[in-house]
């Protein structure tokens, strides 16, 4: 879980617009756990969405950034390993990654 959170936070720092806040929310109920990480900045383009959680995929909007393109892939694999989901919503205001898993 710590690695999933770390990867989502690193992604928000890397791809979010400097000077805009990163918002983290967590909520546990008797049925589920939900964690979201949101950052302001440019919308993730529709053509990038289908491959966002694939290994070695990098957004080309910041070619000078380092990294292998594994952070979101690893986060999605961790989510699956906990019988959970990792989803993204992105518009011109913010991008939100949301992890949800059942409480067992």
PDB file of N, CA and C in Angstrom:
ATOM      1  N   UNK A   1       0.823  -1.196   0.000  1.00  0.00           N
ATOM      2  CA  UNK A   1       0.000   0.000   0.000  1.00  0.00           C
ATOM      3  C   UNK A   1       0.863   1.253   0.000  1.00  0.00           C
ATOM      4  N   UNK A   2       1.932   1.221   0.775  1.00  0.00           N
ATOM      5  CA  UNK A   2       2.819   2.379   0.831  1.00  0.00           C
ATOM      6  C   UNK A   2       3.431   2.647  -0.542  1.00  0.00           C
ATOM      7  N   UNK A   3       3.785   1.579  -1.263  1.00  0.00           N
ATOM      8  CA  UNK A   3       4.364   1.747  -2.599  1.00  0.00           C
ATOM      9  C   UNK A   3       3.339   2.318  -3.570  1.00  0.00           C
ATOM     10  N   UNK A   4       2.102   1.854  -3.503  1.00  0.00           N
ATOM     11  CA  UNK A   4       1.039   2.389  -4.360  1.00  0.00           C
ATOM     12  C   UNK A   4       0.878   3.884  -4.107  1.00  0.00           C
ATOM     13  N   UNK A   5       0.784   4.262  -2.844  1.00  0.00           N
ATOM     14  CA  UNK A   5       0.628   5.674  -2.498  1.00  0.00           C
ATOM     15  C   UNK A   5       1.834   6.488  -2.969  1.00  0.00           C
ATOM     16  N   UNK A   6       3.028   5.971  -2.736  1.00  0.00           N
ATOM     17  CA  UNK A   6       4.246   6.658  -3.151  1.00  0.00           C
ATOM     18  C   UNK A   6       4.276   6.876  -4.662  1.00  0.00           C
ATOM     19  N   UNK A   7       3.892   5.870  -5.421  1.00  0.00           N
ATOM     20  CA  UNK A   7       3.883   6.000  -6.883  1.00  0.00           C
ATOM     21  C   UNK A   7       2.854   7.021  -7.354  1.00  0.00           C
ATOM     22  N   UNK A   8       1.675   7.026  -6.751  1.00  0.00           N
ATOM     23  CA  UNK A   8       0.655   8.000  -7.149  1.00  0.00           C
ATOM     24  C   UNK A   8       1.085   9.418  -6.781  1.00  0.00           C
ATOM     25  N   UNK A   9       1.691   9.567  -5.621  1.00  0.00           N
ATOM     26  CA  UNK A   9       2.167  10.881  -5.198  1.00  0.00           C
ATOM     27  C   UNK A   9       3.307  11.367  -6.103  1.00  0.00           C
ATOM     28  N   UNK A  10       4.238  10.497  -6.428  1.00  0.00           N
ATOM     29  CA  UNK A  10       5.337  10.857  -7.326  1.00  0.00           C
ATOM     30  C   UNK A  10       4.807  11.255  -8.697  1.00  0.00           C
ATOM     31  N   UNK A  11       3.799  10.551  -9.168  1.00  0.00           N
ATOM     32  CA  UNK A  11       3.193  10.879 -10.454  1.00  0.00           C
ATOM     33  C   UNK A  11       2.558  12.268 -10.416  1.00  0.00           C
ATOM     34  N   UNK A  12       1.864  12.573  -9.326  1.00  0.00           N
ATOM     35  CA  UNK A  12       1.236  13.894  -9.186  1.00  0.00           C
ATOM     36  C   UNK A  12       2.283  15.001  -9.140  1.00  0.00           C
ATOM     37  N   UNK A  13       3.376  14.751  -8.454  1.00  0.00           N
ATOM     38  CA  UNK A  13       4.452  15.740  -8.372  1.00  0.00           C
ATOM     39  C   UNK A  13       5.083  15.956  -9.743  1.00  0.00           C
ATOM     40  N   UNK A  14       5.322  14.871 -10.449  1.00  0.00           N
ATOM     41  CA  UNK A  14       5.981  14.941 -11.754  1.00  0.00           C
ATOM     42  C   UNK A  14       5.108  15.590 -12.814  1.00  0.00           C
ATOM     43  N   UNK A  15       3.837  15.229 -12.859  1.00  0.00           N
ATOM     44  CA  UNK A  15       2.976  15.659 -13.962  1.00  0.00           C
ATOM     45  C   UNK A  15       2.024  16.790 -13.612  1.00  0.00           C
ATOM     46  N   UNK A  16       1.887  17.104 -12.332  1.00  0.00           N
ATOM     47  CA  UNK A  16       1.034  18.216 -11.942  1.00  0.00           C
ATOM     48  C   UNK A  16       1.692  19.546 -12.245  1.00  0.00           C
ATOM     49  N   UNK A  17       0.876  20.560 -12.327  1.00  0.00           N
ATOM     50  CA  UNK A  17       1.399  21.904 -12.592  1.00  0.00           C
ATOM     51  C   UNK A  17       2.027  22.462 -11.319  1.00  0.00           C
ATOM     52  N   UNK A  18       3.254  22.951 -11.448  1.00  0.00           N
ATOM     53  CA  UNK A  18       3.941  23.531 -10.296  1.00  0.00           C
ATOM     54  C   UNK A  18       3.110  24.656  -9.706  1.00  0.00           C
ATOM     55  N   UNK A  19       3.092  24.724  -8.404  1.00  0.00           N
ATOM     56  CA  UNK A  19       2.366  25.775  -7.705  1.00  0.00           C
ATOM     57  C   UNK A  19       0.934  25.425  -7.365  1.00  0.00           C
ATOM     58  N   UNK A  20       0.399  24.363  -7.964  1.00  0.00           N
ATOM     59  CA  UNK A  20      -0.957  23.929  -7.638  1.00  0.00           C
ATOM     60  C   UNK A  20      -0.877  22.817  -6.592  1.00  0.00           C
ATOM     61  N   UNK A  21      -1.862  22.769  -5.709  1.00  0.00           N
ATOM     62  CA  UNK A  21      -1.806  21.759  -4.635  1.00  0.00           C
ATOM     63  C   UNK A  21      -2.039  20.346  -5.146  1.00  0.00           C
ATOM     64  N   UNK A  22      -1.510  19.408  -4.394  1.00  0.00           N
ATOM     65  CA  UNK A  22      -1.817  17.993  -4.579  1.00  0.00           C
ATOM     66  C   UNK A  22      -2.735  17.615  -3.431  1.00  0.00           C
ATOM     67  N   UNK A  23      -3.879  17.044  -3.769  1.00  0.00           N
ATOM     68  CA  UNK A  23      -4.862  16.690  -2.747  1.00  0.00           C
ATOM     69  C   UNK A  23      -4.901  15.175  -2.566  1.00  0.00           C
ATOM     70  N   UNK A  24      -4.802  14.739  -1.319  1.00  0.00           N
ATOM     71  CA  UNK A  24      -4.858  13.323  -0.978  1.00  0.00           C
ATOM     72  C   UNK A  24      -6.062  13.106  -0.077  1.00  0.00           C
ATOM     73  N   UNK A  25      -6.853  12.121  -0.419  1.00  0.00           N
ATOM     74  CA  UNK A  25      -8.011  11.760   0.407  1.00  0.00           C
ATOM     75  C   UNK A  25      -7.994  10.263   0.644  1.00  0.00           C
ATOM     76  N   UNK A  26      -8.338   9.857   1.842  1.00  0.00           N
ATOM     77  CA  UNK A  26      -8.468   8.434   2.175  1.00  0.00           C
ATOM     78  C   UNK A  26      -9.735   8.252   2.990  1.00  0.00           C
ATOM     79  N   UNK A  27     -10.402   7.147   2.726  1.00  0.00           N
ATOM     80  CA  UNK A  27     -11.635   6.868   3.459  1.00  0.00           C
ATOM     81  C   UNK A  27     -11.787   5.362   3.619  1.00  0.00           C
ATOM     82  N   UNK A  28     -12.037   4.961   4.837  1.00  0.00           N
ATOM     83  CA  UNK A  28     -12.288   3.552   5.123  1.00  0.00           C
ATOM     84  C   UNK A  28     -13.692   3.421   5.680  1.00  0.00           C
ATOM     85  N   UNK A  29     -14.419   2.478   5.155  1.00  0.00           N
ATOM     86  CA  UNK A  29     -15.732   2.129   5.684  1.00  0.00           C
ATOM     87  C   UNK A  29     -15.677   0.653   6.063  1.00  0.00           C
ATOM     88  N   UNK A  30     -16.754   0.141   6.556  1.00  0.00           N
ATOM     89  CA  UNK A  30     -16.752  -1.281   6.906  1.00  0.00           C
ATOM     90  C   UNK A  30     -16.635  -2.166   5.667  1.00  0.00           C
ATOM     91  N   UNK A  31     -16.977  -1.615   4.491  1.00  0.00           N
ATOM     92  CA  UNK A  31     -16.962  -2.411   3.263  1.00  0.00           C
ATOM     93  C   UNK A  31     -15.755  -2.173   2.358  1.00  0.00           C
ATOM     94  N   UNK A  32     -15.145  -0.986   2.431  1.00  0.00           N
ATOM     95  CA  UNK A  32     -14.077  -0.697   1.474  1.00  0.00           C
ATOM     96  C   UNK A  32     -13.096   0.355   1.995  1.00  0.00           C
ATOM     97  N   UNK A  33     -11.982   0.432   1.277  1.00  0.00           N
ATOM     98  CA  UNK A  33     -10.983   1.462   1.504  1.00  0.00           C
ATOM     99  C   UNK A  33     -10.788   2.192   0.179  1.00  0.00           C
ATOM    100  N   UNK A  34     -10.721   3.522   0.254  1.00  0.00           N
ATOM    101  CA  UNK A  34     -10.590   4.330  -0.957  1.00  0.00           C
ATOM    102  C   UNK A  34      -9.514   5.387  -0.721  1.00  0.00           C
ATOM    103  N   UNK A  35      -8.605   5.516  -1.683  1.00  0.00           N
ATOM    104  CA  UNK A  35      -7.533   6.487  -1.633  1.00  0.00           C
ATOM    105  C   UNK A  35      -7.502   7.226  -2.964  1.00  0.00           C
ATOM    106  N   UNK A  36      -7.463   8.553  -2.915  1.00  0.00           N
ATOM    107  CA  UNK A  36      -7.350   9.316  -4.151  1.00  0.00           C
ATOM    108  C   UNK A  36      -6.236  10.345  -4.027  1.00  0.00           C
ATOM    109  N   UNK A  37      -5.561  10.556  -5.149  1.00  0.00           N
ATOM    110  CA  UNK A  37      -4.505  11.557  -5.253  1.00  0.00           C
ATOM    111  C   UNK A  37      -4.834  12.414  -6.466  1.00  0.00           C
ATOM    112  N   UNK A  38      -4.981  13.719  -6.238  1.00  0.00           N
ATOM    113  CA  UNK A  38      -5.380  14.641  -7.304  1.00  0.00           C
ATOM    114  C   UNK A  38      -4.342  15.733  -7.470  1.00  0.00           C
ATOM    115  N   UNK A  39      -4.111  16.115  -8.701  1.00  0.00           N
ATOM    116  CA  UNK A  39      -3.224  17.234  -8.995  1.00  0.00           C
ATOM    117  C   UNK A  39      -3.821  18.088 -10.108  1.00  0.00           C
ATOM    118  N   UNK A  40      -3.515  19.380 -10.056  1.00  0.00           N
ATOM    119  CA  UNK A  40      -3.943  20.281 -11.102  1.00  0.00           C
ATOM    120  C   UNK A  40      -2.976  20.224 -12.267  1.00  0.00           C
ATOM    121  N   UNK A  41      -3.441  20.685 -13.401  1.00  0.00           N
ATOM    122  CA  UNK A  41      -2.578  20.709 -14.572  1.00  0.00           C
ATOM    123  C   UNK A  41      -3.316  20.272 -15.817  1.00  0.00           C
ATOM    124  N   UNK A  42      -2.549  20.021 -16.841  1.00  0.00           N
ATOM    125  CA  UNK A  42      -3.109  19.663 -18.145  1.00  0.00           C
ATOM    126  C   UNK A  42      -3.832  18.321 -18.082  1.00  0.00           C
ATOM    127  N   UNK A  43      -4.864  18.213 -18.880  1.00  0.00           N
ATOM    128  CA  UNK A  43      -5.644  16.984 -19.007  1.00  0.00           C
ATOM    129  C   UNK A  43      -4.780  15.899 -19.641  1.00  0.00           C
ATOM    130  N   UNK A  44      -4.939  14.678 -19.174  1.00  0.00           N
ATOM    131  CA  UNK A  44      -4.316  13.551 -19.855  1.00  0.00           C
ATOM    132  C   UNK A  44      -5.110  13.339 -21.133  1.00  0.00           C
ATOM    133  N   UNK A  45      -4.436  13.344 -22.254  1.00  0.00           N
ATOM    134  CA  UNK A  45      -5.131  13.253 -23.537  1.00  0.00           C
ATOM    135  C   UNK A  45      -5.807  11.894 -23.713  1.00  0.00           C
ATOM    136  N   UNK A  46      -6.890  11.893 -24.461  1.00  0.00           N
ATOM    137  CA  UNK A  46      -7.663  10.677 -24.678  1.00  0.00           C
ATOM    138  C   UNK A  46      -6.823   9.556 -25.294  1.00  0.00           C
ATOM    139  N   UNK A  47      -5.865   9.914 -26.146  1.00  0.00           N
ATOM    140  CA  UNK A  47      -5.050   8.877 -26.786  1.00  0.00           C
ATOM    141  C   UNK A  47      -4.081   8.215 -25.807  1.00  0.00           C
ATOM    142  N   UNK A  48      -3.765   8.860 -24.693  1.00  0.00           N
ATOM    143  CA  UNK A  48      -2.867   8.283 -23.680  1.00  0.00           C
ATOM    144  C   UNK A  48      -3.603   7.403 -22.669  1.00  0.00           C
ATOM    145  N   UNK A  49      -4.895   7.610 -22.516  1.00  0.00           N
ATOM    146  CA  UNK A  49      -5.652   6.884 -21.482  1.00  0.00           C
ATOM    147  C   UNK A  49      -5.569   5.356 -21.614  1.00  0.00           C
ATOM    148  N   UNK A  50      -5.704   4.770 -22.813  1.00  0.00           N
ATOM    149  CA  UNK A  50      -5.701   3.301 -22.887  1.00  0.00           C
ATOM    150  C   UNK A  50      -4.390   2.646 -22.465  1.00  0.00           C
ATOM    151  N   UNK A  51      -3.280   3.363 -22.525  1.00  0.00           N
ATOM    152  CA  UNK A  51      -1.987   2.764 -22.200  1.00  0.00           C
ATOM    153  C   UNK A  51      -1.388   3.300 -20.903  1.00  0.00           C
ATOM    154  N   UNK A  52      -2.132   4.081 -20.176  1.00  0.00           N
ATOM    155  CA  UNK A  52      -1.616   4.764 -18.992  1.00  0.00           C
ATOM    156  C   UNK A  52      -1.047   3.820 -17.942  1.00  0.00           C
ATOM    157  N   UNK A  53      -1.659   2.663 -17.776  1.00  0.00           N
ATOM    158  CA  UNK A  53      -1.224   1.722 -16.747  1.00  0.00           C
ATOM    159  C   UNK A  53      -0.347   0.601 -17.304  1.00  0.00           C
ATOM    160  N   UNK A  54       0.129   0.771 -18.521  1.00  0.00           N
ATOM    161  CA  UNK A  54       1.007  -0.229 -19.130  1.00  0.00           C
ATOM    162  C   UNK A  54       2.463   0.081 -18.784  1.00  0.00           C
ATOM    163  N   UNK A  55       3.298  -0.973 -18.693  1.00  0.00           N
ATOM    164  CA  UNK A  55       4.699  -0.716 -18.348  1.00  0.00           C
ATOM    165  C   UNK A  55       5.442   0.017 -19.459  1.00  0.00           C
ATOM    166  N   UNK A  56       6.366   0.845 -19.060  1.00  0.00           N
ATOM    167  CA  UNK A  56       7.258   1.595 -19.934  1.00  0.00           C
ATOM    168  C   UNK A  56       6.539   2.637 -20.787  1.00  0.00           C
ATOM    169  N   UNK A  57       5.345   3.013 -20.385  1.00  0.00           N
ATOM    170  CA  UNK A  57       4.616   4.084 -21.069  1.00  0.00           C
ATOM    171  C   UNK A  57       4.888   5.374 -20.330  1.00  0.00           C
ATOM    172  N   UNK A  58       5.280   6.394 -21.051  1.00  0.00           N
ATOM    173  CA  UNK A  58       5.562   7.702 -20.459  1.00  0.00           C
ATOM    174  C   UNK A  58       4.801   8.749 -21.231  1.00  0.00           C
ATOM    175  N   UNK A  59       4.332   9.721 -20.512  1.00  0.00           N
ATOM    176  CA  UNK A  59       3.700  10.856 -21.180  1.00  0.00           C
ATOM    177  C   UNK A  59       4.780  11.649 -21.884  1.00  0.00           C
ATOM    178  N   UNK A  60       4.501  12.076 -23.094  1.00  0.00           N
ATOM    179  CA  UNK A  60       5.507  12.810 -23.859  1.00  0.00           C
ATOM    180  C   UNK A  60       5.388  14.319 -23.685  1.00  0.00           C
ATOM    181  N   UNK A  61       4.548  14.764 -22.755  1.00  0.00           N
ATOM    182  CA  UNK A  61       4.417  16.202 -22.535  1.00  0.00           C
ATOM    183  C   UNK A  61       5.597  16.774 -21.760  1.00  0.00           C
ATOM    184  N   UNK A  62       6.402  15.894 -21.163  1.00  0.00           N
ATOM    185  CA  UNK A  62       7.577  16.330 -20.404  1.00  0.00           C
ATOM    186  C   UNK A  62       8.754  15.417 -20.741  1.00  0.00           C
ATOM    187  N   UNK A  63       9.309  15.565 -21.938  1.00  0.00           N
ATOM    188  CA  UNK A  63      10.351  14.638 -22.360  1.00  0.00           C
ATOM    189  C   UNK A  63      11.628  14.694 -21.535  1.00  0.00           C
ATOM    190  N   UNK A  64      11.847  15.769 -20.805  1.00  0.00           N
ATOM    191  CA  UNK A  64      13.079  15.877 -20.023  1.00  0.00           C
ATOM    192  C   UNK A  64      12.990  15.135 -18.689  1.00  0.00           C
ATOM    193  N   UNK A  65      11.827  14.662 -18.318  1.00  0.00           N
ATOM    194  CA  UNK A  65      11.657  13.974 -17.037  1.00  0.00           C
ATOM    195  C   UNK A  65      12.286  12.593 -17.094  1.00  0.00           C
ATOM    196  N   UNK A  66      12.885  12.207 -15.994  1.00  0.00           N
ATOM    197  CA  UNK A  66      13.464  10.879 -15.907  1.00  0.00           C
ATOM    198  C   UNK A  66      12.398   9.893 -15.468  1.00  0.00           C
ATOM    199  N   UNK A  67      12.723   8.620 -15.600  1.00  0.00           N
ATOM    200  CA  UNK A  67      11.824   7.568 -15.157  1.00  0.00           C
ATOM    201  C   UNK A  67      11.605   6.562 -16.264  1.00  0.00           C
ATOM    202  N   UNK A  68      11.216   5.371 -15.842  1.00  0.00           N
ATOM    203  CA  UNK A  68      11.030   4.295 -16.801  1.00  0.00           C
ATOM    204  C   UNK A  68       9.595   4.135 -17.261  1.00  0.00           C
ATOM    205  N   UNK A  69       8.672   4.830 -16.626  1.00  0.00           N
ATOM    206  CA  UNK A  69       7.274   4.628 -16.973  1.00  0.00           C
ATOM    207  C   UNK A  69       6.688   3.406 -16.301  1.00  0.00           C
ATOM    208  N   UNK A  70       7.167   3.102 -15.112  1.00  0.00           N
ATOM    209  CA  UNK A  70       6.675   1.932 -14.383  1.00  0.00           C
ATOM    210  C   UNK A  70       5.805   2.267 -13.187  1.00  0.00           C
ATOM    211  N   UNK A  71       5.785   3.511 -12.740  1.00  0.00           N
ATOM    212  CA  UNK A  71       5.081   3.868 -11.513  1.00  0.00           C
ATOM    213  C   UNK A  71       3.602   3.539 -11.513  1.00  0.00           C
ATOM    214  N   UNK A  72       2.895   3.938 -12.554  1.00  0.00           N
ATOM    215  CA  UNK A  72       1.456   3.660 -12.609  1.00  0.00           C
ATOM    216  C   UNK A  72       1.180   2.186 -12.860  1.00  0.00           C
ATOM    217  N   UNK A  73       2.051   1.540 -13.630  1.00  0.00           N
ATOM    218  CA  UNK A  73       1.904   0.102 -13.848  1.00  0.00           C
ATOM    219  C   UNK A  73       2.029  -0.639 -12.519  1.00  0.00           C
ATOM    220  N   UNK A  74       3.065  -0.321 -11.746  1.00  0.00           N
ATOM    221  CA  UNK A  74       3.271  -0.976 -10.450  1.00  0.00           C
ATOM    222  C   UNK A  74       2.092  -0.689  -9.518  1.00  0.00           C
ATOM    223  N   UNK A  75       1.630   0.552  -9.496  1.00  0.00           N
ATOM    224  CA  UNK A  75       0.477   0.904  -8.656  1.00  0.00           C
ATOM    225  C   UNK A  75      -0.749   0.089  -9.051  1.00  0.00           C
ATOM    226  N   UNK A  76      -0.977  -0.079 -10.352  1.00  0.00           N
ATOM    227  CA  UNK A  76      -2.157  -0.848 -10.792  1.00  0.00           C
ATOM    228  C   UNK A  76      -2.014  -2.324 -10.442  1.00  0.00           C
ATOM    229  N   UNK A  77      -0.800  -2.848 -10.492  1.00  0.00           N
ATOM    230  CA  UNK A  77      -0.579  -4.242 -10.117  1.00  0.00           C
ATOM    231  C   UNK A  77      -0.781  -4.447  -8.608  1.00  0.00           C
ATOM    232  N   UNK A  78      -0.360  -3.487  -7.823  1.00  0.00           N
ATOM    233  CA  UNK A  78      -0.598  -3.547  -6.372  1.00  0.00           C
ATOM    234  C   UNK A  78      -2.100  -3.525  -6.104  1.00  0.00           C
ATOM    235  N   UNK A  79      -2.819  -2.651  -6.804  1.00  0.00           N
ATOM    236  CA  UNK A  79      -4.280  -2.586  -6.647  1.00  0.00           C
ATOM    237  C   UNK A  79      -4.912  -3.936  -6.957  1.00  0.00           C
ATOM    238  N   UNK A  80      -4.524  -4.545  -8.060  1.00  0.00           N
ATOM    239  CA  UNK A  80      -5.064  -5.863  -8.441  1.00  0.00           C
ATOM    240  C   UNK A  80      -4.730  -6.910  -7.384  1.00  0.00           C
ATOM    241  N   UNK A  81      -3.513  -6.834  -6.840  1.00  0.00           N
ATOM    242  CA  UNK A  81      -3.091  -7.785  -5.813  1.00  0.00           C
ATOM    243  C   UNK A  81      -3.904  -7.708  -4.539  1.00  0.00           C
ATOM    244  N   UNK A  82      -4.598  -6.591  -4.340  1.00  0.00           N
ATOM    245  CA  UNK A  82      -5.464  -6.409  -3.173  1.00  0.00           C
ATOM    246  C   UNK A  82      -6.943  -6.491  -3.568  1.00  0.00           C
ATOM    247  N   UNK A  83      -7.216  -7.134  -4.709  1.00  0.00           N
ATOM    248  CA  UNK A  83      -8.586  -7.251  -5.239  1.00  0.00           C
ATOM    249  C   UNK A  83      -9.241  -5.889  -5.416  1.00  0.00           C
ATOM    250  N   UNK A  84      -8.427  -4.899  -5.742  1.00  0.00           N
ATOM    251  CA  UNK A  84      -8.927  -3.538  -5.897  1.00  0.00           C
ATOM    252  C   UNK A  84      -8.829  -3.038  -7.324  1.00  0.00           C
ATOM    253  N   UNK A  85      -9.163  -1.777  -7.474  1.00  0.00           N
ATOM    254  CA  UNK A  85      -9.099  -1.125  -8.775  1.00  0.00           C
ATOM    255  C   UNK A  85      -8.331   0.180  -8.639  1.00  0.00           C
ATOM    256  N   UNK A  86      -7.730   0.592  -9.731  1.00  0.00           N
ATOM    257  CA  UNK A  86      -7.089   1.895  -9.820  1.00  0.00           C
ATOM    258  C   UNK A  86      -7.620   2.547 -11.081  1.00  0.00           C
ATOM    259  N   UNK A  87      -8.275   3.677 -10.908  1.00  0.00           N
ATOM    260  CA  UNK A  87      -8.901   4.378 -12.029  1.00  0.00           C
ATOM    261  C   UNK A  87      -8.407   5.812 -12.070  1.00  0.00           C
ATOM    262  N   UNK A  88      -8.574   6.436 -13.221  1.00  0.00           N
ATOM    263  CA  UNK A  88      -8.155   7.822 -13.394  1.00  0.00           C
ATOM    264  C   UNK A  88      -9.278   8.609 -14.054  1.00  0.00           C
ATOM    265  N   UNK A  89      -9.430   9.841 -13.614  1.00  0.00           N
ATOM    266  CA  UNK A  89     -10.314  10.811 -14.250  1.00  0.00           C
ATOM    267  C   UNK A  89      -9.472  12.054 -14.480  1.00  0.00           C
ATOM    268  N   UNK A  90      -9.551  12.614 -15.679  1.00  0.00           N
ATOM    269  CA  UNK A  90      -8.729  13.770 -15.984  1.00  0.00           C
ATOM    270  C   UNK A  90      -9.506  14.748 -16.840  1.00  0.00           C
ATOM    271  N   UNK A  91      -9.438  16.018 -16.455  1.00  0.00           N
ATOM    272  CA  UNK A  91     -10.023  17.082 -17.264  1.00  0.00           C
ATOM    273  C   UNK A  91      -9.055  18.258 -17.256  1.00  0.00           C
ATOM    274  N   UNK A  92      -9.483  19.391 -17.737  1.00  0.00           N
ATOM    275  CA  UNK A  92      -8.586  20.544 -17.847  1.00  0.00           C
ATOM    276  C   UNK A  92      -8.336  21.241 -16.509  1.00  0.00           C
ATOM    277  N   UNK A  93      -8.983  20.766 -15.450  1.00  0.00           N
ATOM    278  CA  UNK A  93      -8.782  21.343 -14.115  1.00  0.00           C
ATOM    279  C   UNK A  93      -7.860  20.470 -13.279  1.00  0.00           C
ATOM    280  N   UNK A  94      -8.139  19.156 -13.245  1.00  0.00           N
ATOM    281  CA  UNK A  94      -7.328  18.265 -12.426  1.00  0.00           C
ATOM    282  C   UNK A  94      -7.368  16.841 -12.938  1.00  0.00           C
ATOM    283  N   UNK A  95      -6.407  16.078 -12.461  1.00  0.00           N
ATOM    284  CA  UNK A  95      -6.329  14.635 -12.710  1.00  0.00           C
ATOM    285  C   UNK A  95      -6.408  13.947 -11.360  1.00  0.00           C
ATOM    286  N   UNK A  96      -7.271  12.934 -11.270  1.00  0.00           N
ATOM    287  CA  UNK A  96      -7.478  12.218 -10.013  1.00  0.00           C
ATOM    288  C   UNK A  96      -7.297  10.720 -10.250  1.00  0.00           C
ATOM    289  N   UNK A  97      -6.374  10.129  -9.513  1.00  0.00           N
ATOM    290  CA  UNK A  97      -6.213   8.676  -9.497  1.00  0.00           C
ATOM    291  C   UNK A  97      -6.882   8.172  -8.235  1.00  0.00           C
ATOM    292  N   UNK A  98      -7.753   7.160  -8.389  1.00  0.00           N
ATOM    293  CA  UNK A  98      -8.497   6.631  -7.250  1.00  0.00           C
ATOM    294  C   UNK A  98      -8.295   5.125  -7.147  1.00  0.00           C
ATOM    295  N   UNK A  99      -7.811   4.710  -5.997  1.00  0.00           N
ATOM    296  CA  UNK A  99      -7.655   3.295  -5.663  1.00  0.00           C
ATOM    297  C   UNK A  99      -8.788   2.905  -4.727  1.00  0.00           C
ATOM    298  N   UNK A 100      -9.406   1.774  -5.015  1.00  0.00           N
ATOM    299  CA  UNK A 100     -10.471   1.281  -4.133  1.00  0.00           C
ATOM    300  C   UNK A 100     -10.322  -0.225  -3.991  1.00  0.00           C
ATOM    301  N   UNK A 101     -10.451  -0.669  -2.741  1.00  0.00           N
ATOM    302  CA  UNK A 101     -10.391  -2.112  -2.481  1.00  0.00           C
ATOM    303  C   UNK A 101     -11.416  -2.490  -1.417  1.00  0.00           C
ATOM    304  N   UNK A 102     -11.896  -3.714  -1.488  1.00  0.00           N
ATOM    305  CA  UNK A 102     -12.851  -4.150  -0.468  1.00  0.00           C
ATOM    306  C   UNK A 102     -12.134  -4.458   0.839  1.00  0.00           C
ATOM    307  N   UNK A 103     -12.827  -4.246   1.956  1.00  0.00           N
ATOM    308  CA  UNK A 103     -12.331  -4.692   3.247  1.00  0.00           C
ATOM    309  C   UNK A 103     -12.715  -6.146   3.402  1.00  0.00           C
ATOM    310  N   UNK A 104     -11.753  -6.953   3.725  1.00  0.00           N
ATOM    311  CA  UNK A 104     -12.051  -8.388   3.841  1.00  0.00           C
ATOM    312  C   UNK A 104     -11.806  -8.869   5.244  1.00  0.00           C
TER     313      UNK A 104
END
